[in-house]
Amino acid sequence: MDAMVRLPDDIAFDKSEVHVLVVEDTFTQALVMQNLLSRDGYKVSIARSGAQALELLRAEGASIVLTDVSMPEMDGYQLCKSIKSDAKLQHIPVVMLASFAEQKDILKILDCGADNMLLKQFDEALLLSRLGSILKTCAMRKASPNAELLPIHFNSGTYGFKPNAAQVTDLLLSVFCVGVFLGHEKTEEEYTQVED
């Protein structure tokens, strides 16, 4: 039996029924994200801090959370841990928007329980495509049973995460997409330098 089985790609969702909570402390970036997602048909709310995001989630809920990693007071990691440790909120997918993608950062993202990550300097088409994929994947999945934390020691730090194959697979695919995007940017820079 094959380890990988192709699933039907006929899962559909109505974007107008998807509530995206964008958590971003920089007002301009929050508006850019809101405008992009609204134009694509999503219902969008903005929280300017992790604490405000938790208040909004508890009052209104959301279909998915897109959160900046670096914020004052409560960063994206702390927000994600708070969401994932709250029995009423833990089902909500959390996507981390990071300005970096080093190995230690990926481990922090795994440790906080995030479902996915994207580069903060996103390509609009890539962001919309990934968001659609994440929402489709969530629609196809059933809740996974809790597992014990798996410790990993890396660069003088120990991290633990629940060994959830689906989460790890999603994050690795995200990292691959980020790598391809960064590789494409470097290639364009190299071509520009050669032409000059």
C-alpha atoms as a PDB file:
ATOM      1  CA  MET A   1       0.000   0.000   0.000  1.00  0.00           C
ATOM      2  CA  ASP A   2       1.288   3.467  -0.906  1.00  0.00           C
ATOM      3  CA  ALA A   3       2.180   5.818   1.953  1.00  0.00           C
ATOM      4  CA  MET A   4       0.601   8.734   0.131  1.00  0.00           C
ATOM      5  CA  VAL A   5      -2.915   8.753  -1.266  1.00  0.00           C
ATOM      6  CA  ARG A   6      -4.253  11.515  -3.475  1.00  0.00           C
ATOM      7  CA  LEU A   7      -7.473  12.973  -2.055  1.00  0.00           C
ATOM      8  CA  PRO A   8     -10.216  14.555  -4.120  1.00  0.00           C
ATOM      9  CA  ASP A   9      -9.764  18.304  -4.557  1.00  0.00           C
ATOM     10  CA  ASP A  10     -13.449  19.103  -4.598  1.00  0.00           C
ATOM     11  CA  ILE A  11     -13.663  20.717  -1.156  1.00  0.00           C
ATOM     12  CA  ALA A  12     -15.144  24.181  -1.540  1.00  0.00           C
ATOM     13  CA  PHE A  13     -15.884  26.985   0.888  1.00  0.00           C
ATOM     14  CA  ASP A  14     -17.630  30.319   0.603  1.00  0.00           C
ATOM     15  CA  LYS A  15     -15.014  33.024   1.206  1.00  0.00           C
ATOM     16  CA  SER A  16     -17.694  35.435   2.399  1.00  0.00           C
ATOM     17  CA  GLU A  17     -18.347  33.058   5.314  1.00  0.00           C
ATOM     18  CA  VAL A  18     -14.654  32.860   6.259  1.00  0.00           C
ATOM     19  CA  HIS A  19     -13.709  35.302   9.041  1.00  0.00           C
ATOM     20  CA  VAL A  20      -9.985  36.112   8.982  1.00  0.00           C
ATOM     21  CA  LEU A  21      -8.521  37.814  12.048  1.00  0.00           C
ATOM     22  CA  VAL A  22      -5.357  39.739  11.134  1.00  0.00           C
ATOM     23  CA  VAL A  23      -3.161  40.502  14.153  1.00  0.00           C
ATOM     24  CA  GLU A  24      -0.667  43.222  13.266  1.00  0.00           C
ATOM     25  CA  ASP A  25       0.664  46.077  15.381  1.00  0.00           C
ATOM     26  CA  THR A  26       1.729  48.166  12.378  1.00  0.00           C
ATOM     27  CA  PHE A  27      -1.425  49.941  11.209  1.00  0.00           C
ATOM     28  CA  THR A  28      -0.354  50.348   7.562  1.00  0.00           C
ATOM     29  CA  GLN A  29       0.523  46.665   7.200  1.00  0.00           C
ATOM     30  CA  ALA A  30      -2.764  45.685   8.849  1.00  0.00           C
ATOM     31  CA  LEU A  31      -4.715  47.808   6.342  1.00  0.00           C
ATOM     32  CA  VAL A  32      -2.799  46.376   3.383  1.00  0.00           C
ATOM     33  CA  MET A  33      -3.628  42.847   4.544  1.00  0.00           C
ATOM     34  CA  GLN A  34      -7.271  43.768   5.241  1.00  0.00           C
ATOM     35  CA  ASN A  35      -7.704  45.333   1.800  1.00  0.00           C
ATOM     36  CA  LEU A  36      -6.118  42.361   0.014  1.00  0.00           C
ATOM     37  CA  LEU A  37      -8.225  39.772   1.828  1.00  0.00           C
ATOM     38  CA  SER A  38     -11.438  41.816   1.602  1.00  0.00           C
ATOM     39  CA  ARG A  39     -10.972  42.286  -2.156  1.00  0.00           C
ATOM     40  CA  ASP A  40     -10.648  38.514  -2.444  1.00  0.00           C
ATOM     41  CA  GLY A  41     -13.997  38.044  -0.682  1.00  0.00           C
ATOM     42  CA  TYR A  42     -13.038  37.266   2.926  1.00  0.00           C
ATOM     43  CA  LYS A  43     -14.583  38.889   5.998  1.00  0.00           C
ATOM     44  CA  VAL A  44     -11.644  40.509   7.825  1.00  0.00           C
ATOM     45  CA  SER A  45     -11.131  41.925  11.317  1.00  0.00           C
ATOM     46  CA  ILE A  46      -7.974  43.572  12.632  1.00  0.00           C
ATOM     47  CA  ALA A  47      -6.457  43.333  16.098  1.00  0.00           C
ATOM     48  CA  ARG A  48      -3.500  45.587  16.875  1.00  0.00           C
ATOM     49  CA  SER A  49      -2.166  43.417  19.719  1.00  0.00           C
ATOM     50  CA  GLY A  50      -2.222  39.863  20.999  1.00  0.00           C
ATOM     51  CA  ALA A  51      -4.426  40.855  23.938  1.00  0.00           C
ATOM     52  CA  GLN A  52      -6.938  42.547  21.634  1.00  0.00           C
ATOM     53  CA  ALA A  53      -6.893  39.467  19.384  1.00  0.00           C
ATOM     54  CA  LEU A  54      -7.811  37.206  22.303  1.00  0.00           C
ATOM     55  CA  GLU A  55     -10.672  39.538  23.263  1.00  0.00           C
ATOM     56  CA  LEU A  56     -12.015  39.526  19.694  1.00  0.00           C
ATOM     57  CA  LEU A  57     -11.669  35.752  19.399  1.00  0.00           C
ATOM     58  CA  ARG A  58     -13.551  35.168  22.651  1.00  0.00           C
ATOM     59  CA  ALA A  59     -16.310  37.622  21.659  1.00  0.00           C
ATOM     60  CA  GLU A  60     -16.688  36.948  17.918  1.00  0.00           C
ATOM     61  CA  GLY A  61     -14.566  33.914  17.034  1.00  0.00           C
ATOM     62  CA  ALA A  62     -12.776  33.574  13.686  1.00  0.00           C
ATOM     63  CA  SER A  63     -12.213  30.990  10.999  1.00  0.00           C
ATOM     64  CA  ILE A  64      -8.450  31.581  10.919  1.00  0.00           C
ATOM     65  CA  VAL A  65      -5.860  33.889  12.529  1.00  0.00           C
ATOM     66  CA  LEU A  66      -2.993  35.514  10.605  1.00  0.00           C
ATOM     67  CA  THR A  67      -0.596  36.950  13.176  1.00  0.00           C
ATOM     68  CA  ASP A  68       2.634  38.881  13.068  1.00  0.00           C
ATOM     69  CA  VAL A  69       5.396  37.176  15.052  1.00  0.00           C
ATOM     70  CA  SER A  70       7.047  40.334  16.406  1.00  0.00           C
ATOM     71  CA  MET A  71       4.713  42.494  18.476  1.00  0.00           C
ATOM     72  CA  PRO A  72       5.164  44.332  21.781  1.00  0.00           C
ATOM     73  CA  GLU A  73       3.797  42.932  25.057  1.00  0.00           C
ATOM     74  CA  MET A  74       2.385  39.664  23.649  1.00  0.00           C
ATOM     75  CA  ASP A  75       4.227  38.392  20.563  1.00  0.00           C
ATOM     76  CA  GLY A  76       2.755  36.050  17.970  1.00  0.00           C
ATOM     77  CA  TYR A  77       4.228  32.972  19.677  1.00  0.00           C
ATOM     78  CA  GLN A  78       2.558  33.855  22.985  1.00  0.00           C
ATOM     79  CA  LEU A  79      -0.714  34.623  21.217  1.00  0.00           C
ATOM     80  CA  CYS A  80      -0.628  31.298  19.406  1.00  0.00           C
ATOM     81  CA  LYS A  81       0.117  29.410  22.638  1.00  0.00           C
ATOM     82  CA  SER A  82      -2.811  31.197  24.301  1.00  0.00           C
ATOM     83  CA  ILE A  83      -5.151  30.271  21.447  1.00  0.00           C
ATOM     84  CA  LYS A  84      -3.993  26.656  21.323  1.00  0.00           C
ATOM     85  CA  SER A  85      -4.290  26.236  25.118  1.00  0.00           C
ATOM     86  CA  ASP A  86      -7.861  27.572  25.244  1.00  0.00           C
ATOM     87  CA  ALA A  87     -10.392  24.745  24.797  1.00  0.00           C
ATOM     88  CA  LYS A  88     -12.863  27.101  23.081  1.00  0.00           C
ATOM     89  CA  LEU A  89     -10.302  28.539  20.632  1.00  0.00           C
ATOM     90  CA  GLN A  90      -7.788  25.753  19.957  1.00  0.00           C
ATOM     91  CA  HIS A  91      -9.619  24.574  16.818  1.00  0.00           C
ATOM     92  CA  ILE A  92      -8.862  27.902  15.065  1.00  0.00           C
ATOM     93  CA  PRO A  93      -5.903  27.623  12.658  1.00  0.00           C
ATOM     94  CA  VAL A  94      -3.081  30.085  13.356  1.00  0.00           C
ATOM     95  CA  VAL A  95      -0.744  31.229  10.589  1.00  0.00           C
ATOM     96  CA  MET A  96       2.423  33.021  11.670  1.00  0.00           C
ATOM     97  CA  LEU A  97       3.626  35.939   9.538  1.00  0.00           C
ATOM     98  CA  ALA A  98       7.387  36.036   9.969  1.00  0.00           C
ATOM     99  CA  SER A  99      10.077  38.367   8.627  1.00  0.00           C
ATOM    100  CA  PHE A 100      12.555  35.488   8.816  1.00  0.00           C
ATOM    101  CA  ALA A 101      12.721  31.763   8.321  1.00  0.00           C
ATOM    102  CA  GLU A 102      15.731  30.372  10.169  1.00  0.00           C
ATOM    103  CA  GLN A 103      15.743  26.862  11.634  1.00  0.00           C
ATOM    104  CA  LYS A 104      15.389  28.081  15.227  1.00  0.00           C
ATOM    105  CA  ASP A 105      12.368  30.194  14.219  1.00  0.00           C
ATOM    106  CA  ILE A 106      10.690  27.190  12.618  1.00  0.00           C
ATOM    107  CA  LEU A 107      11.182  25.305  15.895  1.00  0.00           C
ATOM    108  CA  LYS A 108       9.597  28.194  17.829  1.00  0.00           C
ATOM    109  CA  ILE A 109       6.654  28.110  15.426  1.00  0.00           C
ATOM    110  CA  LEU A 110       6.273  24.361  15.987  1.00  0.00           C
ATOM    111  CA  ASP A 111       6.625  24.843  19.744  1.00  0.00           C
ATOM    112  CA  CYS A 112       3.817  27.416  19.969  1.00  0.00           C
ATOM    113  CA  GLY A 113       1.431  25.150  18.034  1.00  0.00           C
ATOM    114  CA  ALA A 114       1.043  27.234  14.870  1.00  0.00           C
ATOM    115  CA  ASP A 115      -0.597  25.546  11.927  1.00  0.00           C
ATOM    116  CA  ASN A 116       1.357  27.318   9.215  1.00  0.00           C
ATOM    117  CA  MET A 117       3.684  30.222   8.418  1.00  0.00           C
ATOM    118  CA  LEU A 118       4.187  32.757   5.678  1.00  0.00           C
ATOM    119  CA  LEU A 119       6.771  35.433   5.061  1.00  0.00           C
ATOM    120  CA  LYS A 120       5.597  38.846   6.180  1.00  0.00           C
ATOM    121  CA  GLN A 121       6.921  40.338   2.944  1.00  0.00           C
ATOM    122  CA  PHE A 122       4.385  38.241   1.077  1.00  0.00           C
ATOM    123  CA  ASP A 123       3.586  37.946  -2.560  1.00  0.00           C
ATOM    124  CA  GLU A 124      -0.166  38.642  -2.834  1.00  0.00           C
ATOM    125  CA  ALA A 125      -0.906  35.664  -5.087  1.00  0.00           C
ATOM    126  CA  LEU A 126       1.127  33.336  -2.842  1.00  0.00           C
ATOM    127  CA  LEU A 127      -0.655  34.554   0.300  1.00  0.00           C
ATOM    128  CA  LEU A 128      -4.110  34.061  -1.230  1.00  0.00           C
ATOM    129  CA  SER A 129      -3.151  30.659  -2.606  1.00  0.00           C
ATOM    130  CA  ARG A 130      -1.699  29.468   0.709  1.00  0.00           C
ATOM    131  CA  LEU A 131      -4.708  30.787   2.645  1.00  0.00           C
ATOM    132  CA  GLY A 132      -7.032  28.862   0.344  1.00  0.00           C
ATOM    133  CA  SER A 133      -4.943  25.706   0.751  1.00  0.00           C
ATOM    134  CA  ILE A 134      -4.888  26.047   4.523  1.00  0.00           C
ATOM    135  CA  LEU A 135      -8.652  26.511   4.679  1.00  0.00           C
ATOM    136  CA  LYS A 136      -9.239  23.534   2.365  1.00  0.00           C
ATOM    137  CA  THR A 137      -6.904  21.382   4.443  1.00  0.00           C
ATOM    138  CA  CYS A 138      -8.708  22.389   7.639  1.00  0.00           C
ATOM    139  CA  ALA A 139     -12.046  21.526   6.055  1.00  0.00           C
ATOM    140  CA  MET A 140     -10.745  18.025   5.203  1.00  0.00           C
ATOM    141  CA  ARG A 141      -9.241  17.204   8.594  1.00  0.00           C
ATOM    142  CA  LYS A 142     -10.718  15.757  11.714  1.00  0.00           C
ATOM    143  CA  ALA A 143      -9.267  16.658  15.080  1.00  0.00           C
ATOM    144  CA  SER A 144      -6.121  14.720  15.987  1.00  0.00           C
ATOM    145  CA  PRO A 145      -5.823  13.092  19.392  1.00  0.00           C
ATOM    146  CA  ASN A 146      -3.465  14.768  21.877  1.00  0.00           C
ATOM    147  CA  ALA A 147       0.050  13.408  21.990  1.00  0.00           C
ATOM    148  CA  GLU A 148       2.943  13.883  24.410  1.00  0.00           C
ATOM    149  CA  LEU A 149       5.444  16.640  23.691  1.00  0.00           C
ATOM    150  CA  LEU A 150       8.462  15.659  21.636  1.00  0.00           C
ATOM    151  CA  PRO A 151      11.591  17.465  22.878  1.00  0.00           C
ATOM    152  CA  ILE A 152      14.215  18.769  20.428  1.00  0.00           C
ATOM    153  CA  HIS A 153      17.476  20.364  21.470  1.00  0.00           C
ATOM    154  CA  PHE A 154      18.904  22.908  19.025  1.00  0.00           C
ATOM    155  CA  ASN A 155      21.424  25.752  19.454  1.00  0.00           C
ATOM    156  CA  SER A 156      21.437  25.743  23.254  1.00  0.00           C
ATOM    157  CA  GLY A 157      17.651  25.589  23.442  1.00  0.00           C
ATOM    158  CA  THR A 158      15.165  22.797  23.996  1.00  0.00           C
ATOM    159  CA  TYR A 159      11.829  22.950  22.239  1.00  0.00           C
ATOM    160  CA  GLY A 160       8.815  20.721  22.539  1.00  0.00           C
ATOM    161  CA  PHE A 161       5.896  20.222  20.252  1.00  0.00           C
ATOM    162  CA  LYS A 162       3.092  17.779  19.818  1.00  0.00           C
ATOM    163  CA  PRO A 163       4.130  15.375  17.080  1.00  0.00           C
ATOM    164  CA  ASN A 164       1.256  16.033  14.720  1.00  0.00           C
ATOM    165  CA  ALA A 165       2.203  14.831  11.244  1.00  0.00           C
ATOM    166  CA  ALA A 166      -0.317  17.128   9.559  1.00  0.00           C
ATOM    167  CA  GLN A 167       1.060  20.248  11.300  1.00  0.00           C
ATOM    168  CA  VAL A 168       4.661  19.307  10.520  1.00  0.00           C
ATOM    169  CA  THR A 169       3.795  18.599   6.897  1.00  0.00           C
ATOM    170  CA  ASP A 170       1.997  21.943   6.513  1.00  0.00           C
ATOM    171  CA  LEU A 171       4.898  23.853   8.057  1.00  0.00           C
ATOM    172  CA  LEU A 172       7.469  22.076   5.904  1.00  0.00           C
ATOM    173  CA  LEU A 173       5.455  22.889   2.790  1.00  0.00           C
ATOM    174  CA  SER A 174       5.240  26.518   3.936  1.00  0.00           C
ATOM    175  CA  VAL A 175       8.999  26.636   4.498  1.00  0.00           C
ATOM    176  CA  PHE A 176       9.529  25.158   1.059  1.00  0.00           C
ATOM    177  CA  CYS A 177       7.293  27.855  -0.496  1.00  0.00           C
ATOM    178  CA  VAL A 178       9.206  30.541   1.419  1.00  0.00           C
ATOM    179  CA  GLY A 179      12.524  29.057   0.245  1.00  0.00           C
ATOM    180  CA  VAL A 180      11.402  29.010  -3.368  1.00  0.00           C
ATOM    181  CA  PHE A 181      10.181  32.608  -3.072  1.00  0.00           C
ATOM    182  CA  LEU A 182      13.451  33.761  -1.466  1.00  0.00           C
ATOM    183  CA  GLY A 183      15.469  31.809  -4.004  1.00  0.00           C
ATOM    184  CA  HIS A 184      13.545  33.521  -6.791  1.00  0.00           C
ATOM    185  CA  GLU A 185      14.273  36.949  -5.270  1.00  0.00           C
ATOM    186  CA  LYS A 186      17.994  36.167  -4.957  1.00  0.00           C
ATOM    187  CA  THR A 187      18.116  35.000  -8.541  1.00  0.00           C
ATOM    188  CA  GLU A 188      16.553  38.273  -9.700  1.00  0.00           C
ATOM    189  CA  GLU A 189      19.072  40.244  -7.598  1.00  0.00           C
ATOM    190  CA  GLU A 190      21.931  38.249  -9.109  1.00  0.00           C
ATOM    191  CA  TYR A 191      20.645  38.957 -12.638  1.00  0.00           C
ATOM    192  CA  THR A 192      20.336  42.669 -11.820  1.00  0.00           C
ATOM    193  CA  GLN A 193      23.931  42.774 -10.521  1.00  0.00           C
ATOM    194  CA  VAL A 194      25.215  41.048 -13.674  1.00  0.00           C
ATOM    195  CA  GLU A 195      23.356  43.486 -15.945  1.00  0.00           C
ATOM    196  CA  ASP A 196      24.742  46.528 -14.076  1.00  0.00           C
END
